[in-house]
């Protein structure tokens, strides 16, 4: 009999989903970034739940305030990928017995700060004794049926685009976990781990633009997210542009890492990966600019289920690797 460690997170999820009755007419299928319920009058409640565990998700140098805020961002990012506006959250906390009063207050303030940053409120939740700090949140957002973004819908010829540059969080985690030191860029890289941002406004304006055909949150890594979209839509991607933060290129040069690997195979970068109708590209890009963001074209959708990245004179295969509990250590 296989253990959880042998199965890995994604097989565990699949086993559990196979045990569940599927609600009729689900606006979002199992396996999307979030779930949704039809409220009538062309409105949907978009719901997501995500869990933060100190041992696997919180570097030692991260404060309890930052960890609690991150637990909120993890959930809100999935709502952003569906074009939903965050409204309320619930938070359940597993409290280890050694946690101090000051640390508990920090957690409360971090939860509140994360929610209010995106215009949402925490209504309540639950607490229980636990052997490790656990913060599990459920977020609820609203959107119209017409504006809901799904993972499905990409077609050959669509543009592939992202809302940011990649690799900083991977570098930041290497600094924190492996004790590396990069003085001129250290603060920027570590801050990407401690203070992640969710692309809520970008998701809202992209949904309103009607230009997006498929959308996914990239917190499991850019490469893995590309493979998820490929599988759902039965398509491939031809990529010719990999947006990498300049700090990542410098970090790779100093420590001898491959900057392509740093950008593709990391995780916890709460950007959006979308496919866009070519004729509406300018509309989507301008919509993002109105909220202070940017949309970068990285390639096109292809009929062939192959994901390849052109780099100078060579083409490399993008492997289905990224963050997965039990498998990533």
Protein backbone atom coordinates (compact mmCIF):
# COMPACT_ATOMS: atom_id res chain seq x y z
CA UNK A 1 0.00 0.00 0.00
CA UNK A 2 1.47 3.36 -1.06
CA UNK A 3 2.12 5.98 1.61
CA UNK A 4 1.30 9.68 1.32
CA UNK A 5 4.99 10.44 0.75
CA UNK A 6 5.09 7.96 -2.15
CA UNK A 7 1.86 9.25 -3.66
CA UNK A 8 2.59 12.98 -3.53
CA UNK A 9 0.11 15.83 -3.10
CA UNK A 10 -1.51 15.67 -6.54
CA UNK A 11 -2.26 11.94 -6.45
CA UNK A 12 -3.68 12.37 -2.95
CA UNK A 13 -6.02 15.08 -4.24
CA UNK A 14 -7.08 12.88 -7.16
CA UNK A 15 -7.86 9.95 -4.84
CA UNK A 16 -10.05 12.15 -2.63
CA UNK A 17 -11.86 13.78 -5.56
CA UNK A 18 -12.69 10.33 -6.94
CA UNK A 19 -14.63 9.69 -3.72
CA UNK A 20 -16.82 12.79 -4.07
CA UNK A 21 -20.19 13.26 -5.77
CA UNK A 22 -19.92 16.17 -8.20
CA UNK A 23 -22.51 18.90 -7.77
CA UNK A 24 -24.62 19.33 -10.93
CA UNK A 25 -23.80 22.33 -13.14
CA UNK A 26 -20.65 23.33 -11.31
CA UNK A 27 -19.45 26.68 -12.73
CA UNK A 28 -15.85 25.56 -12.13
CA UNK A 29 -14.85 21.89 -12.37
CA UNK A 30 -12.77 19.97 -9.86
CA UNK A 31 -9.12 20.82 -10.39
CA UNK A 32 -9.48 24.51 -11.20
CA UNK A 33 -7.90 27.20 -9.00
CA UNK A 34 -11.11 27.61 -7.00
CA UNK A 35 -14.71 26.43 -6.75
CA UNK A 36 -17.87 28.37 -7.53
CA UNK A 37 -21.57 28.41 -6.72
CA UNK A 38 -24.30 30.02 -8.83
CA UNK A 39 -26.11 32.66 -6.76
CA UNK A 40 -28.61 33.57 -9.48
CA UNK A 41 -29.01 36.99 -11.13
CA UNK A 42 -25.82 36.35 -13.15
CA UNK A 43 -23.69 36.27 -9.96
CA UNK A 44 -21.23 33.64 -8.79
CA UNK A 45 -19.65 33.05 -5.42
CA UNK A 46 -16.06 31.95 -6.04
CA UNK A 47 -14.60 30.01 -3.11
CA UNK A 48 -11.12 28.82 -2.33
CA UNK A 49 -9.36 27.17 0.60
CA UNK A 50 -5.63 26.91 1.15
CA UNK A 51 -3.50 25.85 4.11
CA UNK A 52 -0.17 27.11 5.43
CA UNK A 53 1.91 24.81 7.65
CA UNK A 54 4.95 26.22 9.42
CA UNK A 55 7.23 23.23 8.76
CA UNK A 56 6.75 23.26 4.97
CA UNK A 57 5.66 26.80 4.14
CA UNK A 58 7.37 29.17 6.57
CA UNK A 59 11.14 29.83 6.51
CA UNK A 60 12.59 30.32 10.01
CA UNK A 61 13.33 34.01 9.41
CA UNK A 62 9.71 34.78 8.48
CA UNK A 63 7.72 36.50 11.22
CA UNK A 64 4.36 35.25 12.44
CA UNK A 65 2.77 38.42 10.99
CA UNK A 66 4.27 37.67 7.57
CA UNK A 67 3.27 34.01 7.74
CA UNK A 68 -0.35 34.87 8.57
CA UNK A 69 -0.49 37.47 5.80
CA UNK A 70 0.94 34.92 3.37
CA UNK A 71 -1.85 32.49 4.30
CA UNK A 72 -4.32 35.12 3.12
CA UNK A 73 -2.40 35.91 -0.09
CA UNK A 74 -2.31 32.21 -1.02
CA UNK A 75 -6.11 32.16 -1.08
CA UNK A 76 -6.73 35.55 -2.63
CA UNK A 77 -4.37 34.80 -5.52
CA UNK A 78 -6.61 31.92 -6.60
CA UNK A 79 -9.62 34.24 -6.60
CA UNK A 80 -7.62 36.70 -8.72
CA UNK A 81 -6.99 33.99 -11.31
CA UNK A 82 -10.76 33.54 -11.67
CA UNK A 83 -11.51 37.25 -12.02
CA UNK A 84 -13.32 37.37 -8.67
CA UNK A 85 -13.28 40.24 -6.19
CA UNK A 86 -12.39 39.06 -2.65
CA UNK A 87 -15.10 39.83 -0.10
CA UNK A 88 -14.72 37.71 3.06
CA UNK A 89 -12.50 35.02 4.58
CA UNK A 90 -12.60 32.48 7.38
CA UNK A 91 -9.40 31.43 9.14
CA UNK A 92 -8.76 28.30 11.20
CA UNK A 93 -5.56 28.15 13.25
CA UNK A 94 -3.81 25.12 14.66
CA UNK A 95 -1.99 26.50 17.72
CA UNK A 96 1.08 24.72 19.15
CA UNK A 97 1.26 24.93 22.93
CA UNK A 98 4.54 26.88 22.96
CA UNK A 99 3.15 29.79 20.91
CA UNK A 100 3.29 33.00 22.98
CA UNK A 101 0.64 35.66 23.45
CA UNK A 102 2.71 38.12 21.42
CA UNK A 103 3.02 35.63 18.54
CA UNK A 104 -0.72 34.93 18.57
CA UNK A 105 -1.45 38.67 18.35
CA UNK A 106 1.02 38.90 15.45
CA UNK A 107 -0.89 36.16 13.64
CA UNK A 108 -4.19 37.97 14.16
CA UNK A 109 -2.77 41.24 12.87
CA UNK A 110 -1.16 39.51 9.87
CA UNK A 111 -4.46 37.89 8.92
CA UNK A 112 -6.28 41.19 9.15
CA UNK A 113 -3.62 43.09 7.20
CA UNK A 114 -3.67 40.56 4.36
CA UNK A 115 -7.45 40.68 4.07
CA UNK A 116 -7.76 44.48 4.27
CA UNK A 117 -4.97 44.93 1.72
CA UNK A 118 -7.38 43.51 -0.85
CA UNK A 119 -10.59 45.04 0.47
CA UNK A 120 -11.81 41.89 2.23
CA UNK A 121 -12.73 41.11 5.84
CA UNK A 122 -12.23 38.08 8.06
CA UNK A 123 -15.55 37.02 9.58
CA UNK A 124 -14.28 34.39 12.01
CA UNK A 125 -12.97 30.85 11.98
CA UNK A 126 -11.78 28.18 14.40
CA UNK A 127 -8.81 27.33 16.63
CA UNK A 128 -7.49 24.03 17.88
CA UNK A 129 -4.40 22.64 19.54
CA UNK A 130 -1.83 21.32 17.08
CA UNK A 131 1.75 20.03 17.03
CA UNK A 132 2.75 22.70 14.49
CA UNK A 133 1.43 26.11 13.50
CA UNK A 134 -1.27 25.66 10.86
CA UNK A 135 -3.27 28.48 9.27
CA UNK A 136 -6.06 27.32 6.97
CA UNK A 137 -8.15 29.98 5.26
CA UNK A 138 -11.25 29.96 3.12
CA UNK A 139 -11.77 32.96 0.84
CA UNK A 140 -14.99 33.96 -0.89
CA UNK A 141 -15.16 36.35 -3.81
CA UNK A 142 -17.82 37.51 -6.23
CA UNK A 143 -17.95 37.84 -9.99
CA UNK A 144 -20.51 37.81 -12.76
CA UNK A 145 -21.03 34.62 -14.75
CA UNK A 146 -19.87 36.45 -17.85
CA UNK A 147 -16.55 37.43 -16.29
CA UNK A 148 -15.51 34.11 -14.74
CA UNK A 149 -12.05 33.03 -15.88
CA UNK A 150 -11.40 29.28 -16.13
CA UNK A 151 -8.38 27.12 -16.78
CA UNK A 152 -10.16 25.79 -19.86
CA UNK A 153 -10.75 27.74 -23.08
CA UNK A 154 -7.30 28.16 -24.64
CA UNK A 155 -7.11 27.63 -28.41
CA UNK A 156 -4.26 27.25 -30.87
CA UNK A 157 -3.10 30.69 -31.96
CA UNK A 158 -3.91 32.41 -28.67
CA UNK A 159 -1.10 34.39 -27.10
CA UNK A 160 0.40 33.18 -23.81
CA UNK A 161 1.15 35.90 -21.26
CA UNK A 162 2.10 36.50 -17.63
CA UNK A 163 1.66 39.38 -15.19
CA UNK A 164 5.23 39.55 -13.88
CA UNK A 165 8.85 38.43 -13.95
CA UNK A 166 9.94 35.13 -12.45
CA UNK A 167 12.65 33.61 -10.30
CA UNK A 168 12.93 36.03 -7.38
CA UNK A 169 11.12 33.81 -4.89
CA UNK A 170 13.22 30.79 -5.84
CA UNK A 171 16.38 32.83 -5.25
CA UNK A 172 15.00 34.24 -2.00
CA UNK A 173 14.29 30.75 -0.69
CA UNK A 174 17.81 29.61 -1.59
CA UNK A 175 19.17 32.55 0.41
CA UNK A 176 16.99 31.72 3.41
CA UNK A 177 17.31 27.94 3.35
CA UNK A 178 20.86 27.48 2.09
CA UNK A 179 22.51 30.44 3.81
CA UNK A 180 23.63 32.17 0.60
CA UNK A 181 24.58 35.83 0.75
CA UNK A 182 24.06 38.32 -2.09
CA UNK A 183 24.36 41.76 -0.46
CA UNK A 184 23.24 44.11 -3.26
CA UNK A 185 20.16 42.09 -4.22
CA UNK A 186 19.49 40.13 -1.03
CA UNK A 187 16.76 42.39 0.32
CA UNK A 188 14.75 42.38 -2.92
CA UNK A 189 14.92 38.59 -3.25
CA UNK A 190 14.10 37.79 0.37
CA UNK A 191 11.25 40.31 0.35
CA UNK A 192 9.60 38.37 -2.49
CA UNK A 193 9.30 35.44 -0.06
CA UNK A 194 8.23 37.42 2.99
CA UNK A 195 5.78 39.82 1.28
CA UNK A 196 4.13 38.18 -1.75
CA UNK A 197 1.45 40.05 -3.69
CA UNK A 198 -1.76 38.76 -5.26
CA UNK A 199 -2.75 40.11 -8.69
CA UNK A 200 -6.36 40.92 -7.82
CA UNK A 201 -6.77 44.12 -9.83
CA UNK A 202 -5.07 42.52 -12.81
CA UNK A 203 -7.45 39.55 -12.64
CA UNK A 204 -10.49 41.81 -12.42
CA UNK A 205 -9.60 43.97 -15.42
CA UNK A 206 -8.56 40.97 -17.49
CA UNK A 207 -11.92 39.34 -16.80
CA UNK A 208 -13.73 42.52 -17.78
CA UNK A 209 -11.72 42.84 -21.01
CA UNK A 210 -13.18 39.57 -22.41
CA UNK A 211 -9.78 39.00 -23.98
CA UNK A 212 -8.68 36.05 -21.82
CA UNK A 213 -9.48 32.49 -22.87
CA UNK A 214 -7.81 30.65 -19.94
CA UNK A 215 -6.25 31.67 -16.63
CA UNK A 216 -4.30 30.03 -13.81
CA UNK A 217 -2.47 31.13 -10.66
CA UNK A 218 1.26 30.39 -10.95
CA UNK A 219 2.01 29.59 -7.29
CA UNK A 220 3.11 26.03 -8.15
CA UNK A 221 5.70 27.35 -10.62
CA UNK A 222 5.54 28.61 -14.20
CA UNK A 223 6.50 25.29 -15.80
CA UNK A 224 3.95 23.29 -13.83
CA UNK A 225 1.22 25.83 -14.54
CA UNK A 226 1.95 25.65 -18.28
CA UNK A 227 1.60 21.87 -18.13
CA UNK A 228 -1.68 22.18 -16.21
CA UNK A 229 -3.12 24.44 -18.92
CA UNK A 230 -1.76 22.11 -21.59
CA UNK A 231 -3.50 19.11 -20.03
CA UNK A 232 -6.84 20.84 -19.47
CA UNK A 233 -6.98 22.36 -22.96
CA UNK A 234 -5.27 19.57 -24.93
CA UNK A 235 -2.83 22.08 -26.43
CA UNK A 236 0.85 22.95 -26.27
CA UNK A 237 2.91 26.12 -26.06
CA UNK A 238 5.71 27.58 -28.14
CA UNK A 239 7.54 30.05 -25.90
CA UNK A 240 10.07 32.62 -27.08
CA UNK A 241 10.28 34.98 -24.12
CA UNK A 242 10.95 34.13 -20.48
CA UNK A 243 10.53 37.22 -18.28
CA UNK A 244 13.20 36.98 -15.61
CA UNK A 245 13.82 39.59 -12.93
CA UNK A 246 17.26 41.24 -13.34
CA UNK A 247 18.12 40.28 -9.76
CA UNK A 248 17.65 36.63 -10.73
CA UNK A 249 20.15 36.86 -13.59
CA UNK A 250 22.69 38.45 -11.24
CA UNK A 251 22.03 35.80 -8.59
CA UNK A 252 22.51 33.03 -11.17
CA UNK A 253 25.80 34.55 -12.34
CA UNK A 254 27.17 34.88 -8.79
CA UNK A 255 26.27 31.38 -7.57
CA UNK A 256 26.42 29.40 -10.82
CA UNK A 257 22.72 28.59 -11.17
CA UNK A 258 20.82 28.28 -14.44
CA UNK A 259 18.54 31.34 -14.60
CA UNK A 260 16.09 29.43 -16.81
CA UNK A 261 15.64 26.79 -14.11
CA UNK A 262 15.24 29.48 -11.44
CA UNK A 263 12.46 31.12 -13.46
CA UNK A 264 10.63 28.00 -14.64
CA UNK A 265 10.78 25.52 -11.79
CA UNK A 266 10.25 27.52 -8.62
CA UNK A 267 6.98 28.20 -6.85
CA UNK A 268 5.09 30.61 -4.62
CA UNK A 269 5.14 33.35 -7.22
CA UNK A 270 1.57 34.58 -7.17
CA UNK A 271 1.42 35.82 -10.74
CA UNK A 272 -1.22 35.02 -13.35
CA UNK A 273 -0.62 32.95 -16.47
CA UNK A 274 -3.24 33.62 -19.14
CA UNK A 275 -4.01 32.89 -22.77
CA UNK A 276 -5.34 35.83 -24.77
CA UNK A 277 -7.22 36.25 -28.04
CA UNK A 278 -4.69 37.79 -30.47
CA UNK A 279 -7.16 40.37 -31.77
CA UNK A 280 -7.78 41.59 -28.22
CA UNK A 281 -4.16 41.64 -27.06
CA UNK A 282 -3.85 45.42 -27.00
CA UNK A 283 -7.11 45.71 -25.08
CA UNK A 284 -5.87 43.26 -22.43
CA UNK A 285 -2.44 44.89 -22.14
CA UNK A 286 -3.93 48.38 -21.78
CA UNK A 287 -6.44 47.14 -19.19
CA UNK A 288 -3.54 45.86 -17.07
CA UNK A 289 -1.73 49.18 -17.43
CA UNK A 290 -4.73 51.06 -16.01
CA UNK A 291 -4.20 49.29 -12.66
CA UNK A 292 -0.44 49.78 -12.64
CA UNK A 293 0.48 46.29 -13.80
CA UNK A 294 2.03 44.81 -16.91
CA UNK A 295 1.19 41.92 -19.22
CA UNK A 296 4.09 40.23 -20.99
CA UNK A 297 3.61 37.98 -24.02
CA UNK A 298 5.77 34.87 -23.67
CA UNK A 299 4.58 32.78 -26.62
CA UNK A 300 1.63 31.21 -28.44
CA UNK A 301 -0.70 28.26 -27.98
CA UNK A 302 -0.08 25.36 -30.38
CA UNK A 303 -2.10 22.35 -31.50
CA UNK A 304 0.80 20.02 -30.70
CA UNK A 305 0.91 19.07 -27.01
CA UNK A 306 4.52 20.07 -26.64
CA UNK A 307 5.88 22.84 -24.43
CA UNK A 308 9.13 24.28 -25.73
CA UNK A 309 11.15 27.41 -25.00
CA UNK A 310 13.36 28.99 -27.68
CA UNK A 311 16.56 30.37 -26.19
CA UNK A 312 18.93 32.10 -28.63
CA UNK A 313 19.97 29.36 -31.03
CA UNK A 314 18.49 26.41 -29.15
CA UNK A 315 15.09 25.12 -28.06
CA UNK A 316 14.61 23.44 -24.68
CA UNK A 317 11.74 21.29 -23.44
CA UNK A 318 9.83 22.69 -20.48
CA UNK A 319 9.51 19.80 -18.05
CA UNK A 320 6.45 19.21 -15.81
CA UNK A 321 8.24 20.16 -12.58
CA UNK A 322 7.25 22.52 -9.79
CA UNK A 323 6.30 22.68 -6.13
CA UNK A 324 4.49 19.63 -4.68
CA UNK A 325 4.13 18.63 -1.04
CA UNK A 326 5.78 15.28 -0.17
CA UNK A 327 7.70 15.38 -3.48
CA UNK A 328 9.55 18.69 -2.97
CA UNK A 329 12.01 18.64 -0.10
